[in-house]
């Protein structure tokens, strides 16, 4: 069960990196839009990190 959780979260992180950081780096919008997008992406990474930590402790 543990490897399924790690695999799912790894796929989720890769998707967020691709669809989240791509627009931050390559967007032609204003600097404010990039910073807002970056903040949201960072919050998602924090939420995912906390979630996987809690789930892995639960299934330990």
C-alpha atoms as a PDB file:
ATOM      1  CA  UNK A   1       0.000   0.000   0.000  1.00  0.00           C
ATOM      2  CA  UNK A   2       2.878   2.321   0.815  1.00  0.00           C
ATOM      3  CA  UNK A   3       4.373   2.101  -2.681  1.00  0.00           C
ATOM      4  CA  UNK A   4       0.979   2.927  -4.247  1.00  0.00           C
ATOM      5  CA  UNK A   5       0.738   6.108  -2.175  1.00  0.00           C
ATOM      6  CA  UNK A   6       4.294   7.130  -3.050  1.00  0.00           C
ATOM      7  CA  UNK A   7       3.672   6.449  -6.761  1.00  0.00           C
ATOM      8  CA  UNK A   8       0.439   8.456  -6.817  1.00  0.00           C
ATOM      9  CA  UNK A   9       1.993  11.396  -5.008  1.00  0.00           C
ATOM     10  CA  UNK A  10       5.035  11.285  -7.296  1.00  0.00           C
ATOM     11  CA  UNK A  11       2.788  11.490 -10.351  1.00  0.00           C
ATOM     12  CA  UNK A  12       0.862  14.341  -8.741  1.00  0.00           C
ATOM     13  CA  UNK A  13       4.074  16.263  -8.018  1.00  0.00           C
ATOM     14  CA  UNK A  14       5.300  15.827 -11.593  1.00  0.00           C
ATOM     15  CA  UNK A  15       1.970  17.067 -12.958  1.00  0.00           C
ATOM     16  CA  UNK A  16       2.010  20.110 -10.687  1.00  0.00           C
ATOM     17  CA  UNK A  17       5.597  20.846 -11.675  1.00  0.00           C
ATOM     18  CA  UNK A  18       4.731  20.599 -15.367  1.00  0.00           C
ATOM     19  CA  UNK A  19       1.453  22.515 -15.341  1.00  0.00           C
ATOM     20  CA  UNK A  20       2.312  24.824 -12.439  1.00  0.00           C
ATOM     21  CA  UNK A  21       5.907  25.835 -12.907  1.00  0.00           C
ATOM     22  CA  UNK A  22       5.676  25.918 -16.701  1.00  0.00           C
ATOM     23  CA  UNK A  23       3.338  28.921 -16.712  1.00  0.00           C
ATOM     24  CA  UNK A  24       5.472  30.662 -14.093  1.00  0.00           C
ATOM     25  CA  UNK A  25       8.615  30.339 -16.181  1.00  0.00           C
ATOM     26  CA  UNK A  26       7.188  30.668 -19.691  1.00  0.00           C
ATOM     27  CA  UNK A  27       4.130  32.890 -19.303  1.00  0.00           C
ATOM     28  CA  UNK A  28       3.915  36.161 -21.150  1.00  0.00           C
ATOM     29  CA  UNK A  29       1.706  37.700 -18.471  1.00  0.00           C
ATOM     30  CA  UNK A  30       2.622  40.366 -15.995  1.00  0.00           C
ATOM     31  CA  UNK A  31       5.062  39.792 -13.184  1.00  0.00           C
ATOM     32  CA  UNK A  32       2.221  39.940 -10.664  1.00  0.00           C
ATOM     33  CA  UNK A  33       0.421  37.052 -12.393  1.00  0.00           C
ATOM     34  CA  UNK A  34       3.596  34.989 -12.299  1.00  0.00           C
ATOM     35  CA  UNK A  35       4.100  35.648  -8.598  1.00  0.00           C
ATOM     36  CA  UNK A  36       0.500  34.718  -7.779  1.00  0.00           C
ATOM     37  CA  UNK A  37       0.820  31.512  -9.799  1.00  0.00           C
ATOM     38  CA  UNK A  38       4.124  30.712  -8.081  1.00  0.00           C
ATOM     39  CA  UNK A  39       2.553  31.248  -4.652  1.00  0.00           C
ATOM     40  CA  UNK A  40      -0.322  28.898  -5.507  1.00  0.00           C
ATOM     41  CA  UNK A  41       2.072  26.249  -6.817  1.00  0.00           C
ATOM     42  CA  UNK A  42       4.206  26.494  -3.679  1.00  0.00           C
ATOM     43  CA  UNK A  43       1.109  26.163  -1.489  1.00  0.00           C
ATOM     44  CA  UNK A  44       0.129  23.045  -3.437  1.00  0.00           C
ATOM     45  CA  UNK A  45       3.589  21.566  -2.877  1.00  0.00           C
ATOM     46  CA  UNK A  46       3.322  22.261   0.856  1.00  0.00           C
ATOM     47  CA  UNK A  47      -0.150  20.694   0.992  1.00  0.00           C
ATOM     48  CA  UNK A  48       1.056  17.615  -0.871  1.00  0.00           C
ATOM     49  CA  UNK A  49       4.099  17.274   1.385  1.00  0.00           C
ATOM     50  CA  UNK A  50       1.972  17.454   4.523  1.00  0.00           C
ATOM     51  CA  UNK A  51      -0.588  15.030   3.085  1.00  0.00           C
ATOM     52  CA  UNK A  52       1.960  12.398   2.129  1.00  0.00           C
ATOM     53  CA  UNK A  53       3.655  12.697   5.509  1.00  0.00           C
ATOM     54  CA  UNK A  54       0.327  12.119   7.299  1.00  0.00           C
ATOM     55  CA  UNK A  55      -0.669   9.229   5.022  1.00  0.00           C
ATOM     56  CA  UNK A  56       2.660   7.464   5.331  1.00  0.00           C
ATOM     57  CA  UNK A  57       2.494   7.716   9.138  1.00  0.00           C
ATOM     58  CA  UNK A  58      -1.042   6.315   9.041  1.00  0.00           C
ATOM     59  CA  UNK A  59      -0.049   3.275   6.968  1.00  0.00           C
ATOM     60  CA  UNK A  60       3.208   2.619   8.794  1.00  0.00           C
END
